[in-house]
Amino acid sequence: MKYRTSYLATGGYSNKQGIMGVGSRQYFVDKEAYSKSLKLLNYLLKERTEEEIKNFCQNNNIPSEILNQLITHNLVSDEQNYFEKIDNLNFKNKLYFNALGLNANYVTENFKNTTFIIVGCGGIGNFISFSLSSLSPKKIELVDGDKIEKSNLNRQFLFTDKDIGDRKSTRLNSSHESE
C-alpha cells in the first residue's frame, strides 16, 4: 500500500504546543512530535510505499505512533483514499467528505445510487434541492403544489421574475435537468 499527505493536512504551532488537523478535526502534540510530524508530512508530499516510509521513519527517529496518528486523523491518506486533483464535479465534494472523516468514495457512490424526495420547494426546499444536486444523486423528486410569487424571490434564490406564476417544483425540476 502507498501513502501520501492529504490535500487538507494543516499544522501550526502555538502556546508551546503543536496543532495538527484536517478541517475542523484537530489534535494537539508537543514540540518534538510536531516537528517530526511536519518532517514526515513533507516527505509524504510524494506518494511512498510502506517500506519507504518505514525506512524514512527509522533513519529520522520518527516513532510509528506519529505516522499512525497522521493516518488516523486523515493528514496522511492511503492510495484508496487519496485524491488526485482532477477538474471534475466531485473533486471538492470528496475533499469535504474526507475532511469530515468519511470515506469519500463510499459517500459519493451512495449519492449516485440514491433518490431524494423533497416535500416543499420554498425557502428550505429551494436551498436543499440546489445543495443536493451538487452531490450528483441518482434522482431528486420535488413535491410542491405552490406557485412562485414575487414575495418568494428574496429568499428562494433559484427563482427569478420570469418564473412568477410557475409551479415551484416544475421550475426546480427544469433547472436541475439543465445542470
Protein backbone atom coordinates (compact mmCIF):
# COMPACT_ATOMS: atom_id res chain seq x y z
CA MET A 1 0.00 0.00 0.00
CA LYS A 2 1.12 3.57 -0.72
CA TYR A 3 0.57 6.74 1.31
CA ARG A 4 0.67 10.46 0.68
CA THR A 5 0.00 13.71 2.54
CA SER A 6 -3.65 14.77 2.29
CA TYR A 7 -4.51 17.98 0.44
CA LEU A 8 -6.26 19.10 3.61
CA ALA A 9 -3.43 18.47 6.10
CA THR A 10 -2.63 21.51 8.22
CA GLY A 11 -0.44 22.26 11.17
CA GLY A 12 0.51 25.18 13.32
CA TYR A 13 2.46 25.86 16.46
CA SER A 14 1.01 28.00 19.23
CA ASN A 15 1.28 28.35 23.00
CA LYS A 16 4.04 25.77 23.28
CA GLN A 17 2.03 23.07 21.54
CA GLY A 18 1.52 21.89 18.01
CA ILE A 19 -1.89 21.75 16.40
CA MET A 20 -2.36 19.21 13.61
CA GLY A 21 -5.56 18.63 11.70
CA VAL A 22 -7.80 18.29 8.70
CA GLY A 23 -10.70 20.71 8.52
CA SER A 24 -12.21 21.19 11.96
CA ARG A 25 -10.81 17.89 13.26
CA GLN A 26 -7.68 18.84 15.15
CA TYR A 27 -5.41 17.39 17.82
CA PHE A 28 -2.52 18.70 19.90
CA VAL A 29 1.06 17.44 20.08
CA ASP A 30 4.21 18.51 21.89
CA LYS A 31 7.03 20.37 20.13
CA GLU A 32 9.01 17.23 19.26
CA ALA A 33 6.01 15.36 17.83
CA TYR A 34 5.03 18.48 15.89
CA SER A 35 8.49 18.76 14.32
CA LYS A 36 8.59 15.06 13.42
CA SER A 37 5.03 15.17 12.05
CA LEU A 38 5.94 18.06 9.74
CA LYS A 39 9.06 16.26 8.58
CA LEU A 40 7.02 13.17 7.74
CA LEU A 41 4.24 15.17 6.05
CA ASN A 42 6.84 16.92 3.93
CA TYR A 43 8.40 13.58 2.96
CA LEU A 44 4.96 12.24 2.03
CA LEU A 45 4.19 15.06 -0.40
CA LYS A 46 5.25 12.41 -2.89
CA GLU A 47 3.43 9.06 -2.76
CA ARG A 48 5.53 6.47 -0.88
CA THR A 49 5.35 2.74 -0.15
CA GLU A 50 5.09 1.37 3.38
CA GLU A 51 8.70 0.19 3.15
CA GLU A 52 9.96 3.61 2.09
CA ILE A 53 8.07 5.23 4.95
CA LYS A 54 9.35 2.69 7.47
CA ASN A 55 12.96 3.34 6.38
CA PHE A 56 12.47 7.12 6.48
CA CYS A 57 11.00 6.95 9.99
CA GLN A 58 13.84 4.74 11.24
CA ASN A 59 16.51 6.98 9.68
CA ASN A 60 14.90 10.11 11.17
CA ASN A 61 13.99 8.68 14.57
CA ILE A 62 10.25 9.15 13.98
CA PRO A 63 8.16 6.75 16.08
CA SER A 64 5.47 4.71 14.30
CA GLU A 65 2.88 6.32 16.63
CA ILE A 66 3.35 9.61 14.80
CA LEU A 67 2.61 8.02 11.43
CA ASN A 68 -0.38 6.19 12.92
CA GLN A 69 -1.77 9.48 14.31
CA LEU A 70 -1.36 11.20 10.95
CA ILE A 71 -3.22 8.36 9.23
CA THR A 72 -5.94 8.13 11.91
CA HIS A 73 -6.61 11.88 11.65
CA ASN A 74 -6.56 11.84 7.81
CA LEU A 75 -3.47 14.03 7.42
CA VAL A 76 -1.94 11.10 5.54
CA SER A 77 -4.12 9.08 3.17
CA ASP A 78 -3.62 5.67 1.66
CA GLU A 79 -3.86 5.17 -2.07
CA GLN A 80 -7.55 4.23 -1.83
CA ASN A 81 -8.49 7.49 -0.09
CA TYR A 82 -6.02 9.85 -1.75
CA PHE A 83 -7.44 12.09 -4.43
CA GLU A 84 -5.51 13.31 -7.38
CA LYS A 85 -6.61 16.84 -8.18
CA ILE A 86 -8.87 16.39 -11.17
CA ASP A 87 -11.10 19.13 -12.50
CA ASN A 88 -14.39 17.29 -12.16
CA LEU A 89 -17.69 17.78 -10.40
CA ASN A 90 -16.95 15.64 -7.34
CA PHE A 91 -13.35 16.57 -6.51
CA LYS A 92 -14.22 19.25 -3.92
CA ASN A 93 -17.10 17.13 -2.57
CA LYS A 94 -14.66 14.30 -1.93
CA LEU A 95 -12.24 16.63 -0.17
CA TYR A 96 -15.09 17.87 2.02
CA PHE A 97 -16.23 14.34 2.94
CA ASN A 98 -12.63 13.38 3.67
CA ALA A 99 -12.30 16.40 5.99
CA LEU A 100 -15.33 15.10 7.90
CA GLY A 101 -13.54 11.80 8.38
CA LEU A 102 -15.81 9.95 5.97
CA ASN A 103 -14.83 7.58 3.20
CA ALA A 104 -15.39 10.00 0.33
CA ASN A 105 -15.56 7.35 -2.40
CA TYR A 106 -18.20 5.43 -0.44
CA VAL A 107 -20.31 8.55 0.17
CA THR A 108 -20.18 9.80 -3.43
CA GLU A 109 -21.04 6.33 -4.77
CA ASN A 110 -24.01 6.14 -2.40
CA PHE A 111 -25.25 9.52 -3.60
CA LYS A 112 -25.11 8.26 -7.19
CA ASN A 113 -27.44 5.41 -6.18
CA THR A 114 -29.87 7.39 -4.00
CA THR A 115 -33.16 9.08 -4.87
CA PHE A 116 -34.07 12.02 -2.62
CA ILE A 117 -37.63 13.23 -2.15
CA ILE A 118 -38.06 16.85 -1.08
CA VAL A 119 -41.53 17.89 0.04
CA GLY A 120 -41.81 21.66 -0.20
CA CYS A 121 -39.75 23.76 -2.61
CA GLY A 122 -39.88 27.06 -0.72
CA GLY A 123 -37.07 28.58 1.33
CA ILE A 124 -35.60 25.36 2.73
CA GLY A 125 -36.56 23.03 -0.14
CA ASN A 126 -35.13 25.50 -2.65
CA PHE A 127 -31.77 25.53 -0.93
CA ILE A 128 -31.69 21.78 -0.16
CA SER A 129 -32.55 20.84 -3.76
CA PHE A 130 -29.72 23.04 -5.00
CA SER A 131 -27.23 21.63 -2.48
CA LEU A 132 -28.19 18.01 -3.14
CA SER A 133 -27.94 18.47 -6.89
CA SER A 134 -24.27 19.45 -6.48
CA LEU A 135 -23.61 15.98 -4.99
CA SER A 136 -24.82 14.17 -8.14
CA PRO A 137 -27.58 11.99 -6.69
CA LYS A 138 -29.37 9.40 -8.80
CA LYS A 139 -32.54 11.48 -8.73
CA ILE A 140 -34.28 14.29 -6.83
CA GLU A 141 -38.08 14.13 -6.62
CA LEU A 142 -39.66 17.50 -5.79
CA VAL A 143 -43.19 17.80 -4.39
CA ASP A 144 -44.89 21.20 -4.03
CA GLY A 145 -48.21 22.47 -5.38
CA ASP A 146 -47.41 26.15 -4.72
CA LYS A 147 -46.74 28.67 -7.43
CA ILE A 148 -43.89 31.16 -7.40
CA GLU A 149 -44.86 34.62 -6.15
CA LYS A 150 -42.87 37.85 -6.19
CA SER A 151 -42.59 37.69 -2.37
CA ASN A 152 -40.63 34.41 -2.75
CA LEU A 153 -37.76 35.95 -4.70
CA ASN A 154 -35.92 37.46 -1.72
CA ARG A 155 -35.25 34.06 -0.13
CA GLN A 156 -35.81 31.41 -2.81
CA PHE A 157 -32.78 32.19 -4.91
CA LEU A 158 -33.36 29.67 -7.69
CA PHE A 159 -36.39 31.64 -8.91
CA THR A 160 -36.44 34.88 -10.93
CA ASP A 161 -39.09 37.36 -12.09
CA LYS A 162 -39.58 35.24 -15.23
CA ASP A 163 -40.69 32.30 -13.04
CA ILE A 164 -43.58 34.10 -11.28
CA GLY A 165 -46.75 32.04 -11.74
CA ASP A 166 -44.91 28.75 -12.48
CA ARG A 167 -45.16 25.82 -10.09
CA LYS A 168 -42.14 25.72 -7.78
CA SER A 169 -41.49 22.01 -8.27
CA THR A 170 -41.78 22.29 -12.07
CA ARG A 171 -39.33 25.20 -12.19
CA LEU A 172 -36.80 23.49 -9.90
CA ASN A 173 -37.05 20.25 -11.87
CA SER A 174 -36.27 22.08 -15.10
CA SER A 175 -33.32 23.93 -13.52
CA HIS A 176 -31.84 20.66 -12.18
CA GLU A 177 -32.24 18.92 -15.52
CA SER A 178 -30.24 21.66 -17.25
CA GLU A 179 -27.26 21.33 -14.81
